[in-house]
Amino acid sequence: MASRNGEKVRSGPPRLLVVGCGGALAGDDNVGLEIVHRLQARGDGGCEFLVLAGGGLDLLYAFEKSEIVLFVDAVQSGAPAGTVHLLPLPSPEVVPRGMGRVSSHGWGLVETLRLAHSLAIRVPRLMLLGVELGSVTPGAPRTPRVEAALEAVVECFPELQLALRDSESPLWSGHHSYETLSHGFARMDTEQELLTKKACTKG
């Protein structure tokens, strides 16, 4: 860590924390947790992982240790099941299911942001990766479209890391929705494919 005018300056890429949210036993609702578990098992370098089981204190911990936080959660916005959403937080457009009920006391991201500001805690850049769910039947397996989206997110995660660490990336400009393809993702509102490349192609 370098020093400039008496202040500590980090070298290297921004610290990225990936936070998995959701209900472990409720069908597609566990997709965020499963993505994080698979990334951890694969040993993706350059970032840290957290399964969000508690409330505001866990979120504050996430804020304090990272420059970028990616929340991975199931969402329900009316889009087709398996649609992948990427958007900066906070946002009124898409409400992540797990993050909206991380506590029985109704404590979620909005409440944590208020607490962070009141305590003068630095808030990192926040991004949601939301997977549109199809079923929340307790004990049911994930639906095929959600499973396909999960596998594609894990496959293309190295590219997503690079995009998140680039402050000029189009990902930070607003809400982007993607359909899952056999070789990655395609924007649903344009011909341009922002999150797919040959390295994501499954052999």
C-alpha atoms as a PDB file:
ATOM      1  CA  MET A   1       0.000   0.000   0.000  1.00  0.00           C
ATOM      2  CA  ALA A   2       1.554   3.294  -1.106  1.00  0.00           C
ATOM      3  CA  SER A   3       1.476   6.614   0.734  1.00  0.00           C
ATOM      4  CA  ARG A   4       0.653  10.028  -0.713  1.00  0.00           C
ATOM      5  CA  ASN A   5       0.666  13.229   1.370  1.00  0.00           C
ATOM      6  CA  GLY A   6       0.405  11.193   4.520  1.00  0.00           C
ATOM      7  CA  GLU A   7      -2.613   9.254   3.244  1.00  0.00           C
ATOM      8  CA  LYS A   8      -2.632   5.545   2.484  1.00  0.00           C
ATOM      9  CA  VAL A   9      -3.358   4.777  -1.142  1.00  0.00           C
ATOM     10  CA  ARG A  10      -4.162   1.232  -2.289  1.00  0.00           C
ATOM     11  CA  SER A  11      -2.442  -0.115  -5.360  1.00  0.00           C
ATOM     12  CA  GLY A  12      -3.923  -2.791  -7.556  1.00  0.00           C
ATOM     13  CA  PRO A  13      -7.529  -3.424  -8.594  1.00  0.00           C
ATOM     14  CA  PRO A  14     -10.448  -2.312  -6.391  1.00  0.00           C
ATOM     15  CA  ARG A  15     -11.460  -4.828  -3.747  1.00  0.00           C
ATOM     16  CA  LEU A  16     -14.558  -6.733  -4.864  1.00  0.00           C
ATOM     17  CA  LEU A  17     -16.882  -8.540  -2.478  1.00  0.00           C
ATOM     18  CA  VAL A  18     -19.536 -10.870  -3.914  1.00  0.00           C
ATOM     19  CA  VAL A  19     -22.525 -11.338  -1.592  1.00  0.00           C
ATOM     20  CA  GLY A  20     -24.950 -14.230  -2.052  1.00  0.00           C
ATOM     21  CA  CYS A  21     -28.542 -13.695  -0.880  1.00  0.00           C
ATOM     22  CA  GLY A  22     -31.672 -15.808  -0.850  1.00  0.00           C
ATOM     23  CA  GLY A  23     -33.616 -18.631   0.702  1.00  0.00           C
ATOM     24  CA  ALA A  24     -31.736 -21.931   0.734  1.00  0.00           C
ATOM     25  CA  LEU A  25     -34.769 -24.211   0.366  1.00  0.00           C
ATOM     26  CA  ALA A  26     -37.211 -22.269  -1.828  1.00  0.00           C
ATOM     27  CA  GLY A  27     -36.709 -23.375  -5.432  1.00  0.00           C
ATOM     28  CA  ASP A  28     -35.264 -20.612  -7.631  1.00  0.00           C
ATOM     29  CA  ASP A  29     -34.965 -18.320  -4.607  1.00  0.00           C
ATOM     30  CA  ASN A  30     -31.613 -19.911  -3.726  1.00  0.00           C
ATOM     31  CA  VAL A  31     -29.924 -18.994  -7.015  1.00  0.00           C
ATOM     32  CA  GLY A  32     -27.843 -16.198  -5.461  1.00  0.00           C
ATOM     33  CA  LEU A  33     -26.525 -18.465  -2.738  1.00  0.00           C
ATOM     34  CA  GLU A  34     -25.708 -21.220  -5.225  1.00  0.00           C
ATOM     35  CA  ILE A  35     -23.797 -18.873  -7.544  1.00  0.00           C
ATOM     36  CA  VAL A  36     -21.591 -17.743  -4.666  1.00  0.00           C
ATOM     37  CA  HIS A  37     -21.056 -21.311  -3.446  1.00  0.00           C
ATOM     38  CA  ARG A  38     -19.958 -22.424  -6.929  1.00  0.00           C
ATOM     39  CA  LEU A  39     -17.609 -19.476  -7.356  1.00  0.00           C
ATOM     40  CA  GLN A  40     -16.072 -20.184  -3.960  1.00  0.00           C
ATOM     41  CA  ALA A  41     -15.619 -23.858  -4.819  1.00  0.00           C
ATOM     42  CA  ARG A  42     -13.979 -22.913  -8.116  1.00  0.00           C
ATOM     43  CA  GLY A  43     -11.579 -20.628  -6.287  1.00  0.00           C
ATOM     44  CA  ASP A  44     -12.114 -17.467  -8.311  1.00  0.00           C
ATOM     45  CA  GLY A  45      -9.232 -15.191  -7.386  1.00  0.00           C
ATOM     46  CA  GLY A  46      -9.236 -11.471  -6.945  1.00  0.00           C
ATOM     47  CA  CYS A  47     -12.413 -11.184  -4.898  1.00  0.00           C
ATOM     48  CA  GLU A  48     -13.980 -12.274  -1.640  1.00  0.00           C
ATOM     49  CA  PHE A  49     -17.313 -13.929  -0.954  1.00  0.00           C
ATOM     50  CA  LEU A  50     -19.987 -13.593   1.703  1.00  0.00           C
ATOM     51  CA  VAL A  51     -23.272 -15.431   2.226  1.00  0.00           C
ATOM     52  CA  LEU A  52     -25.718 -12.920   3.663  1.00  0.00           C
ATOM     53  CA  ALA A  53     -27.431 -14.683   6.533  1.00  0.00           C
ATOM     54  CA  GLY A  54     -27.840 -11.837   9.003  1.00  0.00           C
ATOM     55  CA  GLY A  55     -29.035  -8.255   8.829  1.00  0.00           C
ATOM     56  CA  GLY A  56     -27.563  -4.794   8.788  1.00  0.00           C
ATOM     57  CA  LEU A  57     -24.332  -5.634  10.589  1.00  0.00           C
ATOM     58  CA  ASP A  58     -23.351  -8.083   7.845  1.00  0.00           C
ATOM     59  CA  LEU A  59     -24.014  -5.422   5.225  1.00  0.00           C
ATOM     60  CA  LEU A  60     -21.983  -2.824   7.131  1.00  0.00           C
ATOM     61  CA  TYR A  61     -19.139  -5.329   7.274  1.00  0.00           C
ATOM     62  CA  ALA A  62     -19.409  -5.679   3.504  1.00  0.00           C
ATOM     63  CA  PHE A  63     -19.264  -1.901   3.061  1.00  0.00           C
ATOM     64  CA  GLU A  64     -16.193  -1.426   5.234  1.00  0.00           C
ATOM     65  CA  LYS A  65     -13.981  -4.040   3.603  1.00  0.00           C
ATOM     66  CA  SER A  66     -14.624  -3.385  -0.093  1.00  0.00           C
ATOM     67  CA  GLU A  67     -14.548  -0.779  -2.851  1.00  0.00           C
ATOM     68  CA  ILE A  68     -17.183  -2.672  -4.881  1.00  0.00           C
ATOM     69  CA  VAL A  69     -19.943  -4.957  -3.622  1.00  0.00           C
ATOM     70  CA  LEU A  70     -21.836  -7.237  -6.010  1.00  0.00           C
ATOM     71  CA  PHE A  71     -25.068  -8.589  -4.539  1.00  0.00           C
ATOM     72  CA  VAL A  72     -26.325 -11.783  -6.207  1.00  0.00           C
ATOM     73  CA  ASP A  73     -29.981 -12.516  -5.597  1.00  0.00           C
ATOM     74  CA  ALA A  74     -33.209 -13.770  -7.125  1.00  0.00           C
ATOM     75  CA  VAL A  75     -35.561 -11.064  -8.352  1.00  0.00           C
ATOM     76  CA  GLN A  76     -39.169 -10.883  -9.498  1.00  0.00           C
ATOM     77  CA  SER A  77     -39.869  -8.052 -11.956  1.00  0.00           C
ATOM     78  CA  GLY A  78     -42.159  -9.675 -14.524  1.00  0.00           C
ATOM     79  CA  ALA A  79     -39.382 -10.544 -16.993  1.00  0.00           C
ATOM     80  CA  PRO A  80     -39.066 -14.118 -18.286  1.00  0.00           C
ATOM     81  CA  ALA A  81     -37.574 -16.623 -15.857  1.00  0.00           C
ATOM     82  CA  GLY A  82     -33.800 -16.817 -16.204  1.00  0.00           C
ATOM     83  CA  THR A  83     -33.389 -13.181 -17.280  1.00  0.00           C
ATOM     84  CA  VAL A  84     -30.242 -11.708 -15.729  1.00  0.00           C
ATOM     85  CA  HIS A  85     -30.392  -8.119 -14.489  1.00  0.00           C
ATOM     86  CA  LEU A  86     -27.369  -5.944 -13.728  1.00  0.00           C
ATOM     87  CA  LEU A  87     -27.961  -2.538 -12.178  1.00  0.00           C
ATOM     88  CA  PRO A  88     -26.312  -0.186  -9.695  1.00  0.00           C
ATOM     89  CA  LEU A  89     -27.911   0.045  -6.255  1.00  0.00           C
ATOM     90  CA  PRO A  90     -29.975   1.440  -4.701  1.00  0.00           C
ATOM     91  CA  SER A  91     -32.631   1.333  -7.413  1.00  0.00           C
ATOM     92  CA  PRO A  92     -36.442   1.320  -7.389  1.00  0.00           C
ATOM     93  CA  GLU A  93     -36.568  -0.697 -10.625  1.00  0.00           C
ATOM     94  CA  VAL A  94     -35.813  -4.207  -9.380  1.00  0.00           C
ATOM     95  CA  VAL A  95     -36.159  -5.334  -5.777  1.00  0.00           C
ATOM     96  CA  PRO A  96     -33.850  -8.194  -4.744  1.00  0.00           C
ATOM     97  CA  ARG A  97     -35.835 -10.775  -2.801  1.00  0.00           C
ATOM     98  CA  GLY A  98     -33.250 -11.903  -0.260  1.00  0.00           C
ATOM     99  CA  MET A  99     -31.882  -8.441   0.458  1.00  0.00           C
ATOM    100  CA  GLY A 100     -35.361  -7.149   1.142  1.00  0.00           C
ATOM    101  CA  ARG A 101     -35.831  -9.543   4.033  1.00  0.00           C
ATOM    102  CA  VAL A 102     -32.400 -10.241   5.476  1.00  0.00           C
ATOM    103  CA  SER A 103     -33.870  -9.665   8.909  1.00  0.00           C
ATOM    104  CA  SER A 104     -37.141 -10.567  10.608  1.00  0.00           C
ATOM    105  CA  HIS A 105     -37.207  -6.941  11.725  1.00  0.00           C
ATOM    106  CA  GLY A 106     -37.460  -5.631   8.162  1.00  0.00           C
ATOM    107  CA  TRP A 107     -33.808  -4.620   7.956  1.00  0.00           C
ATOM    108  CA  GLY A 108     -32.428  -4.523   4.431  1.00  0.00           C
ATOM    109  CA  LEU A 109     -30.223  -2.482   2.132  1.00  0.00           C
ATOM    110  CA  VAL A 110     -32.148   0.798   2.456  1.00  0.00           C
ATOM    111  CA  GLU A 111     -31.934   0.724   6.249  1.00  0.00           C
ATOM    112  CA  THR A 112     -28.243  -0.164   6.117  1.00  0.00           C
ATOM    113  CA  LEU A 113     -27.493   2.739   3.775  1.00  0.00           C
ATOM    114  CA  ARG A 114     -29.183   5.115   6.190  1.00  0.00           C
ATOM    115  CA  LEU A 115     -27.185   3.719   9.098  1.00  0.00           C
ATOM    116  CA  ALA A 116     -23.924   3.916   7.153  1.00  0.00           C
ATOM    117  CA  HIS A 117     -24.521   7.577   6.331  1.00  0.00           C
ATOM    118  CA  SER A 118     -25.433   8.388   9.930  1.00  0.00           C
ATOM    119  CA  LEU A 119     -22.229   6.698  11.160  1.00  0.00           C
ATOM    120  CA  ALA A 120     -20.113   8.326   8.424  1.00  0.00           C
ATOM    121  CA  ILE A 121     -19.186   4.900   7.045  1.00  0.00           C
ATOM    122  CA  ARG A 122     -17.960   4.947   3.470  1.00  0.00           C
ATOM    123  CA  VAL A 123     -20.410   3.275   1.083  1.00  0.00           C
ATOM    124  CA  PRO A 124     -18.720   1.398  -1.777  1.00  0.00           C
ATOM    125  CA  ARG A 125     -20.083   1.115  -5.290  1.00  0.00           C
ATOM    126  CA  LEU A 126     -22.985  -1.324  -5.202  1.00  0.00           C
ATOM    127  CA  MET A 127     -24.209  -3.539  -8.034  1.00  0.00           C
ATOM    128  CA  LEU A 128     -27.007  -6.096  -8.165  1.00  0.00           C
ATOM    129  CA  LEU A 129     -26.865  -9.220 -10.278  1.00  0.00           C
ATOM    130  CA  GLY A 130     -30.434 -10.427 -10.169  1.00  0.00           C
ATOM    131  CA  VAL A 131     -31.727 -13.631 -11.719  1.00  0.00           C
ATOM    132  CA  GLU A 132     -35.426 -13.612 -12.567  1.00  0.00           C
ATOM    133  CA  LEU A 133     -37.026 -16.532 -10.768  1.00  0.00           C
ATOM    134  CA  GLY A 134     -39.705 -18.884 -11.971  1.00  0.00           C
ATOM    135  CA  SER A 135     -40.700 -20.846  -8.865  1.00  0.00           C
ATOM    136  CA  VAL A 136     -40.351 -20.492  -5.106  1.00  0.00           C
ATOM    137  CA  THR A 137     -41.976 -23.792  -4.193  1.00  0.00           C
ATOM    138  CA  PRO A 138     -40.286 -24.998  -0.980  1.00  0.00           C
ATOM    139  CA  GLY A 139     -38.008 -27.950  -1.608  1.00  0.00           C
ATOM    140  CA  ALA A 140     -38.423 -27.832  -5.393  1.00  0.00           C
ATOM    141  CA  PRO A 141     -35.381 -27.942  -7.707  1.00  0.00           C
ATOM    142  CA  ARG A 142     -34.418 -24.853  -9.658  1.00  0.00           C
ATOM    143  CA  THR A 143     -36.308 -24.435 -12.921  1.00  0.00           C
ATOM    144  CA  PRO A 144     -34.314 -25.129 -16.131  1.00  0.00           C
ATOM    145  CA  ARG A 145     -34.104 -21.488 -17.254  1.00  0.00           C
ATOM    146  CA  VAL A 146     -32.834 -20.329 -13.875  1.00  0.00           C
ATOM    147  CA  GLU A 147     -30.326 -23.188 -13.756  1.00  0.00           C
ATOM    148  CA  ALA A 148     -29.068 -22.202 -17.222  1.00  0.00           C
ATOM    149  CA  ALA A 149     -28.661 -18.578 -16.107  1.00  0.00           C
ATOM    150  CA  LEU A 150     -26.798 -19.706 -12.987  1.00  0.00           C
ATOM    151  CA  GLU A 151     -24.340 -21.760 -15.029  1.00  0.00           C
ATOM    152  CA  ALA A 152     -23.772 -18.934 -17.510  1.00  0.00           C
ATOM    153  CA  VAL A 153     -23.091 -16.408 -14.711  1.00  0.00           C
ATOM    154  CA  VAL A 154     -20.499 -18.724 -13.168  1.00  0.00           C
ATOM    155  CA  GLU A 155     -18.926 -19.413 -16.567  1.00  0.00           C
ATOM    156  CA  CYS A 156     -18.590 -15.730 -17.476  1.00  0.00           C
ATOM    157  CA  PHE A 157     -17.765 -14.416 -14.008  1.00  0.00           C
ATOM    158  CA  PRO A 158     -14.104 -13.539 -14.824  1.00  0.00           C
ATOM    159  CA  GLU A 159     -15.311 -11.165 -17.549  1.00  0.00           C
ATOM    160  CA  LEU A 160     -17.918  -9.688 -15.217  1.00  0.00           C
ATOM    161  CA  GLN A 161     -15.207  -9.022 -12.621  1.00  0.00           C
ATOM    162  CA  LEU A 162     -13.240  -6.985 -15.134  1.00  0.00           C
ATOM    163  CA  ALA A 163     -16.309  -4.956 -16.115  1.00  0.00           C
ATOM    164  CA  LEU A 164     -17.217  -4.213 -12.489  1.00  0.00           C
ATOM    165  CA  ARG A 165     -13.722  -2.947 -11.722  1.00  0.00           C
ATOM    166  CA  ASP A 166     -13.865  -0.552 -14.680  1.00  0.00           C
ATOM    167  CA  SER A 167     -15.591   2.635 -13.512  1.00  0.00           C
ATOM    168  CA  GLU A 168     -16.225   3.530 -17.181  1.00  0.00           C
ATOM    169  CA  SER A 169     -17.954   0.232 -17.958  1.00  0.00           C
ATOM    170  CA  PRO A 170     -21.469   0.507 -19.446  1.00  0.00           C
ATOM    171  CA  LEU A 171     -22.634  -1.699 -16.561  1.00  0.00           C
ATOM    172  CA  TRP A 172     -22.468   1.301 -14.236  1.00  0.00           C
ATOM    173  CA  SER A 173     -24.683   3.436 -16.501  1.00  0.00           C
ATOM    174  CA  GLY A 174     -28.008   1.925 -15.476  1.00  0.00           C
ATOM    175  CA  HIS A 175     -30.232  -1.137 -15.643  1.00  0.00           C
ATOM    176  CA  HIS A 176     -29.241  -3.799 -18.177  1.00  0.00           C
ATOM    177  CA  SER A 177     -31.224  -6.985 -18.761  1.00  0.00           C
ATOM    178  CA  TYR A 178     -29.814 -10.053 -20.500  1.00  0.00           C
ATOM    179  CA  GLU A 179     -31.171 -13.272 -21.892  1.00  0.00           C
ATOM    180  CA  THR A 180     -29.081 -16.384 -21.399  1.00  0.00           C
ATOM    181  CA  LEU A 181     -27.441 -17.803 -24.524  1.00  0.00           C
ATOM    182  CA  SER A 182     -25.462 -20.991 -24.985  1.00  0.00           C
ATOM    183  CA  HIS A 183     -22.275 -18.891 -25.169  1.00  0.00           C
ATOM    184  CA  GLY A 184     -22.980 -16.214 -22.573  1.00  0.00           C
ATOM    185  CA  PHE A 185     -25.498 -13.383 -22.496  1.00  0.00           C
ATOM    186  CA  ALA A 186     -27.080 -10.910 -24.899  1.00  0.00           C
ATOM    187  CA  ARG A 187     -28.663  -7.576 -24.072  1.00  0.00           C
ATOM    188  CA  MET A 188     -32.422  -7.857 -24.433  1.00  0.00           C
ATOM    189  CA  ASP A 189     -32.804  -4.305 -25.774  1.00  0.00           C
ATOM    190  CA  THR A 190     -29.955  -4.213 -28.299  1.00  0.00           C
ATOM    191  CA  GLU A 191     -27.966  -6.352 -30.702  1.00  0.00           C
ATOM    192  CA  GLN A 192     -24.800  -5.588 -28.727  1.00  0.00           C
ATOM    193  CA  GLU A 193     -23.512  -8.357 -26.484  1.00  0.00           C
ATOM    194  CA  LEU A 194     -21.738  -6.754 -23.520  1.00  0.00           C
ATOM    195  CA  LEU A 195     -21.184  -9.798 -21.349  1.00  0.00           C
ATOM    196  CA  THR A 196     -20.138 -12.490 -23.755  1.00  0.00           C
ATOM    197  CA  LYS A 197     -16.928 -13.437 -25.521  1.00  0.00           C
ATOM    198  CA  LYS A 198     -15.270 -16.529 -26.935  1.00  0.00           C
ATOM    199  CA  ALA A 199     -13.752 -17.304 -23.536  1.00  0.00           C
ATOM    200  CA  CYS A 200     -17.284 -17.883 -22.228  1.00  0.00           C
ATOM    201  CA  THR A 201     -18.143 -20.434 -24.878  1.00  0.00           C
ATOM    202  CA  LYS A 202     -18.704 -23.876 -23.479  1.00  0.00           C
ATOM    203  CA  GLY A 203     -16.808 -26.487 -25.431  1.00  0.00           C
END
